[in-house]
Amino acid sequence: MMRSLLLYFFIVFFQVSLSQDFGNLNISVVDSNDSATFNYDLYLSDSSNVTVQSWKSIDRNELLIDSLASGIYSVKVTKGESKEIVKGIIVRAGKITFITVKIKPVETERSCDFVVSDKKPKCHVCKSRKHIIKYAYGLPTKKTLELAKQEKLKLGGCVIQTCQPRWYCTKDQVDIINK
């Protein structure tokens, strides 16, 4: 009787201690418009960058990884040429960690005629940088409106898209495009 009681407590203690060393990770994958995205690959790595698990062509935008050992992880999501990495994900014992990975499309020179660099370009008309100002997108603040009145920046509107002008020439009144 005593032996079975000890065995019972050992099994219960062992199961409780094992269950407390594991947590769950819930990963949602969205595109740049916060819409659910599908058909992506996902790689889960531990703190030493060793891939622990990987999934190919996932057909849902949310993935629950259960019984994951407590620790620090990173997640890499790839879809075509796009890639996003989230590091420092802490999975705690007995808890669910929620993360959202936003995958951005890869812009190529052919997909957008506008100069996408953050470095001030030359105007393709007057060949000068002197009159080049940056676009501002989104809801303008008081400061943004004041800078626009002073022609130090150009208001681009509230809708933000992947291919839109970033630079404007005040002299020639043109958006700066790739040559």
C-alpha atoms as a PDB file:
ATOM      1  CA  MET A   1       0.000   0.000   0.000  1.00  0.00           C
ATOM      2  CA  MET A   2       2.724   2.451   0.973  1.00  0.00           C
ATOM      3  CA  ARG A   3       4.688   1.606  -2.134  1.00  0.00           C
ATOM      4  CA  SER A   4       1.699   2.305  -4.441  1.00  0.00           C
ATOM      5  CA  LEU A   5       1.004   5.575  -2.622  1.00  0.00           C
ATOM      6  CA  LEU A   6       4.612   6.670  -3.115  1.00  0.00           C
ATOM      7  CA  LEU A   7       4.481   5.642  -6.756  1.00  0.00           C
ATOM      8  CA  TYR A   8       1.235   7.588  -7.221  1.00  0.00           C
ATOM      9  CA  PHE A   9       2.718  10.778  -5.680  1.00  0.00           C
ATOM     10  CA  PHE A  10       5.885  10.392  -7.761  1.00  0.00           C
ATOM     11  CA  ILE A  11       3.862  10.096 -10.982  1.00  0.00           C
ATOM     12  CA  VAL A  12       1.621  13.054 -10.081  1.00  0.00           C
ATOM     13  CA  PHE A  13       4.634  15.200  -9.081  1.00  0.00           C
ATOM     14  CA  PHE A  14       6.558  14.201 -12.207  1.00  0.00           C
ATOM     15  CA  GLN A  15       3.606  15.054 -14.494  1.00  0.00           C
ATOM     16  CA  VAL A  16       3.004  18.400 -12.758  1.00  0.00           C
ATOM     17  CA  SER A  17       6.668  19.360 -12.967  1.00  0.00           C
ATOM     18  CA  LEU A  18       6.799  18.344 -16.634  1.00  0.00           C
ATOM     19  CA  SER A  19       3.662  20.314 -17.537  1.00  0.00           C
ATOM     20  CA  GLN A  20       5.045  23.391 -15.778  1.00  0.00           C
ATOM     21  CA  ASP A  21       8.173  23.408 -17.984  1.00  0.00           C
ATOM     22  CA  PHE A  22       6.160  23.900 -21.169  1.00  0.00           C
ATOM     23  CA  GLY A  23       4.190  26.768 -22.630  1.00  0.00           C
ATOM     24  CA  ASN A  24       2.329  27.522 -25.842  1.00  0.00           C
ATOM     25  CA  LEU A  25       3.103  29.920 -28.680  1.00  0.00           C
ATOM     26  CA  ASN A  26       0.281  31.333 -30.810  1.00  0.00           C
ATOM     27  CA  ILE A  27       1.541  32.932 -34.055  1.00  0.00           C
ATOM     28  CA  SER A  28      -0.669  35.022 -36.362  1.00  0.00           C
ATOM     29  CA  VAL A  29       0.664  36.025 -39.771  1.00  0.00           C
ATOM     30  CA  VAL A  30      -0.765  39.080 -41.546  1.00  0.00           C
ATOM     31  CA  ASP A  31       0.223  41.097 -44.597  1.00  0.00           C
ATOM     32  CA  SER A  32       1.070  44.808 -44.675  1.00  0.00           C
ATOM     33  CA  ASN A  33      -2.671  45.672 -44.694  1.00  0.00           C
ATOM     34  CA  ASP A  34      -3.267  43.602 -41.511  1.00  0.00           C
ATOM     35  CA  SER A  35      -5.190  41.023 -43.556  1.00  0.00           C
ATOM     36  CA  ALA A  36      -4.756  37.322 -42.903  1.00  0.00           C
ATOM     37  CA  THR A  37      -2.124  35.768 -45.149  1.00  0.00           C
ATOM     38  CA  PHE A  38      -1.757  32.156 -46.249  1.00  0.00           C
ATOM     39  CA  ASN A  39       0.748  29.819 -47.937  1.00  0.00           C
ATOM     40  CA  TYR A  40       3.843  30.878 -46.031  1.00  0.00           C
ATOM     41  CA  ASP A  41       6.718  28.947 -44.470  1.00  0.00           C
ATOM     42  CA  LEU A  42       7.532  29.273 -40.771  1.00  0.00           C
ATOM     43  CA  TYR A  43      10.723  28.376 -38.904  1.00  0.00           C
ATOM     44  CA  LEU A  44      11.010  28.312 -35.104  1.00  0.00           C
ATOM     45  CA  SER A  45      14.522  28.624 -33.650  1.00  0.00           C
ATOM     46  CA  ASP A  46      15.794  28.476 -30.082  1.00  0.00           C
ATOM     47  CA  SER A  47      18.077  31.045 -28.419  1.00  0.00           C
ATOM     48  CA  SER A  48      21.160  29.480 -30.054  1.00  0.00           C
ATOM     49  CA  ASN A  49      19.574  29.901 -33.553  1.00  0.00           C
ATOM     50  CA  VAL A  50      19.028  26.176 -34.008  1.00  0.00           C
ATOM     51  CA  THR A  51      15.810  25.484 -35.939  1.00  0.00           C
ATOM     52  CA  VAL A  52      13.550  23.588 -33.559  1.00  0.00           C
ATOM     53  CA  GLN A  53      10.571  23.146 -35.877  1.00  0.00           C
ATOM     54  CA  SER A  54       9.582  24.211 -39.395  1.00  0.00           C
ATOM     55  CA  TRP A  55       6.366  24.206 -41.376  1.00  0.00           C
ATOM     56  CA  LYS A  56       5.955  24.549 -45.161  1.00  0.00           C
ATOM     57  CA  SER A  57       3.039  26.084 -47.101  1.00  0.00           C
ATOM     58  CA  ILE A  58       0.877  26.807 -44.076  1.00  0.00           C
ATOM     59  CA  ASP A  59      -2.708  27.263 -45.280  1.00  0.00           C
ATOM     60  CA  ARG A  60      -4.049  29.219 -42.304  1.00  0.00           C
ATOM     61  CA  ASN A  61      -3.019  32.548 -40.818  1.00  0.00           C
ATOM     62  CA  GLU A  62      -2.738  31.317 -37.230  1.00  0.00           C
ATOM     63  CA  LEU A  63      -0.571  28.553 -35.840  1.00  0.00           C
ATOM     64  CA  LEU A  64      -0.629  27.253 -32.248  1.00  0.00           C
ATOM     65  CA  ILE A  65       2.507  25.475 -31.096  1.00  0.00           C
ATOM     66  CA  ASP A  66       1.719  23.670 -27.871  1.00  0.00           C
ATOM     67  CA  SER A  67       3.960  21.926 -25.352  1.00  0.00           C
ATOM     68  CA  LEU A  68       6.922  24.104 -26.258  1.00  0.00           C
ATOM     69  CA  ALA A  69       9.767  24.065 -23.744  1.00  0.00           C
ATOM     70  CA  SER A  70      10.055  27.306 -21.780  1.00  0.00           C
ATOM     71  CA  GLY A  71      12.718  29.578 -23.212  1.00  0.00           C
ATOM     72  CA  ILE A  72      13.540  32.308 -25.701  1.00  0.00           C
ATOM     73  CA  TYR A  73      12.777  31.733 -29.367  1.00  0.00           C
ATOM     74  CA  SER A  74      12.804  33.466 -32.729  1.00  0.00           C
ATOM     75  CA  VAL A  75      10.389  33.002 -35.618  1.00  0.00           C
ATOM     76  CA  LYS A  76      11.166  33.437 -39.313  1.00  0.00           C
ATOM     77  CA  VAL A  77       8.268  33.700 -41.759  1.00  0.00           C
ATOM     78  CA  THR A  78       8.878  33.573 -45.514  1.00  0.00           C
ATOM     79  CA  LYS A  79       6.429  34.048 -48.352  1.00  0.00           C
ATOM     80  CA  GLY A  80       7.986  34.111 -51.795  1.00  0.00           C
ATOM     81  CA  GLU A  81      10.858  36.619 -51.612  1.00  0.00           C
ATOM     82  CA  SER A  82       9.449  38.301 -48.463  1.00  0.00           C
ATOM     83  CA  LYS A  83      10.951  37.433 -45.091  1.00  0.00           C
ATOM     84  CA  GLU A  84      10.288  38.619 -41.525  1.00  0.00           C
ATOM     85  CA  ILE A  85      12.151  37.575 -38.385  1.00  0.00           C
ATOM     86  CA  VAL A  86      10.885  38.146 -34.840  1.00  0.00           C
ATOM     87  CA  LYS A  87      13.511  37.586 -32.122  1.00  0.00           C
ATOM     88  CA  GLY A  88      13.342  37.432 -28.344  1.00  0.00           C
ATOM     89  CA  ILE A  89      10.003  35.638 -28.013  1.00  0.00           C
ATOM     90  CA  ILE A  90       9.705  34.460 -24.409  1.00  0.00           C
ATOM     91  CA  VAL A  91       7.688  31.291 -23.838  1.00  0.00           C
ATOM     92  CA  ARG A  92       6.827  30.839 -20.161  1.00  0.00           C
ATOM     93  CA  ALA A  93       5.746  27.636 -18.451  1.00  0.00           C
ATOM     94  CA  GLY A  94       1.991  27.135 -18.331  1.00  0.00           C
ATOM     95  CA  LYS A  95       1.328  30.314 -20.374  1.00  0.00           C
ATOM     96  CA  ILE A  96       0.326  31.144 -23.959  1.00  0.00           C
ATOM     97  CA  THR A  97       2.501  33.710 -25.750  1.00  0.00           C
ATOM     98  CA  PHE A  98       0.749  35.541 -28.604  1.00  0.00           C
ATOM     99  CA  ILE A  99       2.679  37.177 -31.443  1.00  0.00           C
ATOM    100  CA  THR A 100       1.676  38.676 -34.777  1.00  0.00           C
ATOM    101  CA  VAL A 101       4.141  38.650 -37.649  1.00  0.00           C
ATOM    102  CA  LYS A 102       3.556  41.246 -40.360  1.00  0.00           C
ATOM    103  CA  ILE A 103       4.992  40.093 -43.676  1.00  0.00           C
ATOM    104  CA  LYS A 104       5.779  42.897 -46.111  1.00  0.00           C
ATOM    105  CA  PRO A 105       5.930  42.466 -49.873  1.00  0.00           C
ATOM    106  CA  VAL A 106       9.344  42.836 -51.466  1.00  0.00           C
ATOM    107  CA  GLU A 107       9.500  45.937 -53.646  1.00  0.00           C
ATOM    108  CA  THR A 108      11.484  45.646 -56.815  1.00  0.00           C
ATOM    109  CA  GLU A 109      12.501  48.460 -59.123  1.00  0.00           C
ATOM    110  CA  ARG A 110      10.047  47.214 -61.743  1.00  0.00           C
ATOM    111  CA  SER A 111       7.107  47.173 -59.321  1.00  0.00           C
ATOM    112  CA  CYS A 112       7.370  50.888 -58.530  1.00  0.00           C
ATOM    113  CA  ASP A 113       8.453  53.766 -60.776  1.00  0.00           C
ATOM    114  CA  PHE A 114       9.136  56.135 -57.864  1.00  0.00           C
ATOM    115  CA  VAL A 115      12.478  56.526 -56.094  1.00  0.00           C
ATOM    116  CA  VAL A 116      12.125  54.530 -52.864  1.00  0.00           C
ATOM    117  CA  SER A 117      15.423  55.544 -51.258  1.00  0.00           C
ATOM    118  CA  ASP A 118      15.512  57.609 -48.069  1.00  0.00           C
ATOM    119  CA  LYS A 119      18.512  59.497 -49.468  1.00  0.00           C
ATOM    120  CA  LYS A 120      17.492  62.767 -51.133  1.00  0.00           C
ATOM    121  CA  PRO A 121      17.636  62.153 -54.924  1.00  0.00           C
ATOM    122  CA  LYS A 122      18.234  64.566 -57.780  1.00  0.00           C
ATOM    123  CA  CYS A 123      15.269  65.768 -59.802  1.00  0.00           C
ATOM    124  CA  HIS A 124      15.112  63.992 -63.166  1.00  0.00           C
ATOM    125  CA  VAL A 125      14.049  67.301 -64.809  1.00  0.00           C
ATOM    126  CA  CYS A 126      16.331  70.018 -63.331  1.00  0.00           C
ATOM    127  CA  LYS A 127      19.080  67.580 -62.148  1.00  0.00           C
ATOM    128  CA  SER A 128      19.264  69.325 -58.755  1.00  0.00           C
ATOM    129  CA  ARG A 129      18.619  68.336 -55.111  1.00  0.00           C
ATOM    130  CA  LYS A 130      18.043  71.958 -54.064  1.00  0.00           C
ATOM    131  CA  HIS A 131      14.244  71.938 -54.503  1.00  0.00           C
ATOM    132  CA  ILE A 132      13.544  68.357 -53.433  1.00  0.00           C
ATOM    133  CA  ILE A 133      11.172  67.823 -50.486  1.00  0.00           C
ATOM    134  CA  LYS A 134       9.794  64.654 -48.916  1.00  0.00           C
ATOM    135  CA  TYR A 135       6.183  63.507 -48.979  1.00  0.00           C
ATOM    136  CA  ALA A 136       4.254  63.016 -45.726  1.00  0.00           C
ATOM    137  CA  TYR A 137       1.425  60.471 -45.658  1.00  0.00           C
ATOM    138  CA  GLY A 138      -1.328  59.852 -43.140  1.00  0.00           C
ATOM    139  CA  LEU A 139      -3.403  62.261 -41.083  1.00  0.00           C
ATOM    140  CA  PRO A 140      -1.397  65.512 -40.868  1.00  0.00           C
ATOM    141  CA  THR A 141      -0.522  67.079 -37.531  1.00  0.00           C
ATOM    142  CA  LYS A 142      -0.325  70.831 -36.894  1.00  0.00           C
ATOM    143  CA  LYS A 143       3.442  70.659 -37.368  1.00  0.00           C
ATOM    144  CA  THR A 144       3.070  68.728 -40.636  1.00  0.00           C
ATOM    145  CA  LEU A 145       0.554  71.293 -41.949  1.00  0.00           C
ATOM    146  CA  GLU A 146       2.915  74.142 -41.032  1.00  0.00           C
ATOM    147  CA  LEU A 147       5.855  72.459 -42.810  1.00  0.00           C
ATOM    148  CA  ALA A 148       3.642  71.907 -45.880  1.00  0.00           C
ATOM    149  CA  LYS A 149       2.722  75.638 -45.918  1.00  0.00           C
ATOM    150  CA  GLN A 150       6.442  76.463 -45.825  1.00  0.00           C
ATOM    151  CA  GLU A 151       7.007  73.994 -48.728  1.00  0.00           C
ATOM    152  CA  LYS A 152       9.395  71.931 -46.593  1.00  0.00           C
ATOM    153  CA  LEU A 153       7.314  68.810 -47.246  1.00  0.00           C
ATOM    154  CA  LYS A 154       4.411  67.777 -49.482  1.00  0.00           C
ATOM    155  CA  LEU A 155       1.197  66.221 -48.182  1.00  0.00           C
ATOM    156  CA  GLY A 156       0.525  62.917 -49.915  1.00  0.00           C
ATOM    157  CA  GLY A 157      -2.883  62.012 -48.504  1.00  0.00           C
ATOM    158  CA  CYS A 158      -4.230  59.675 -45.851  1.00  0.00           C
ATOM    159  CA  VAL A 159      -4.062  56.394 -47.786  1.00  0.00           C
ATOM    160  CA  ILE A 160      -0.672  54.723 -47.567  1.00  0.00           C
ATOM    161  CA  GLN A 161       0.205  52.285 -50.362  1.00  0.00           C
ATOM    162  CA  THR A 162       3.282  50.272 -51.283  1.00  0.00           C
ATOM    163  CA  CYS A 163       4.061  52.259 -54.451  1.00  0.00           C
ATOM    164  CA  GLN A 164       3.735  55.997 -54.065  1.00  0.00           C
ATOM    165  CA  PRO A 165       6.064  58.965 -54.438  1.00  0.00           C
ATOM    166  CA  ARG A 166       8.449  59.775 -51.579  1.00  0.00           C
ATOM    167  CA  TRP A 167      10.074  62.860 -53.118  1.00  0.00           C
ATOM    168  CA  TYR A 168       8.785  65.990 -54.911  1.00  0.00           C
ATOM    169  CA  CYS A 169      10.536  68.798 -56.796  1.00  0.00           C
ATOM    170  CA  THR A 170       9.001  72.187 -55.922  1.00  0.00           C
ATOM    171  CA  LYS A 171      10.732  73.904 -58.856  1.00  0.00           C
ATOM    172  CA  ASP A 172       9.467  71.559 -61.575  1.00  0.00           C
ATOM    173  CA  GLN A 173       6.345  70.418 -59.642  1.00  0.00           C
ATOM    174  CA  VAL A 174       6.975  66.733 -60.382  1.00  0.00           C
ATOM    175  CA  ASP A 175       7.207  63.523 -58.374  1.00  0.00           C
ATOM    176  CA  ILE A 176      10.677  62.032 -58.505  1.00  0.00           C
ATOM    177  CA  ILE A 177      10.784  58.807 -60.531  1.00  0.00           C
ATOM    178  CA  ASN A 178      13.484  56.240 -61.261  1.00  0.00           C
ATOM    179  CA  LYS A 179      15.370  56.891 -64.491  1.00  0.00           C
END
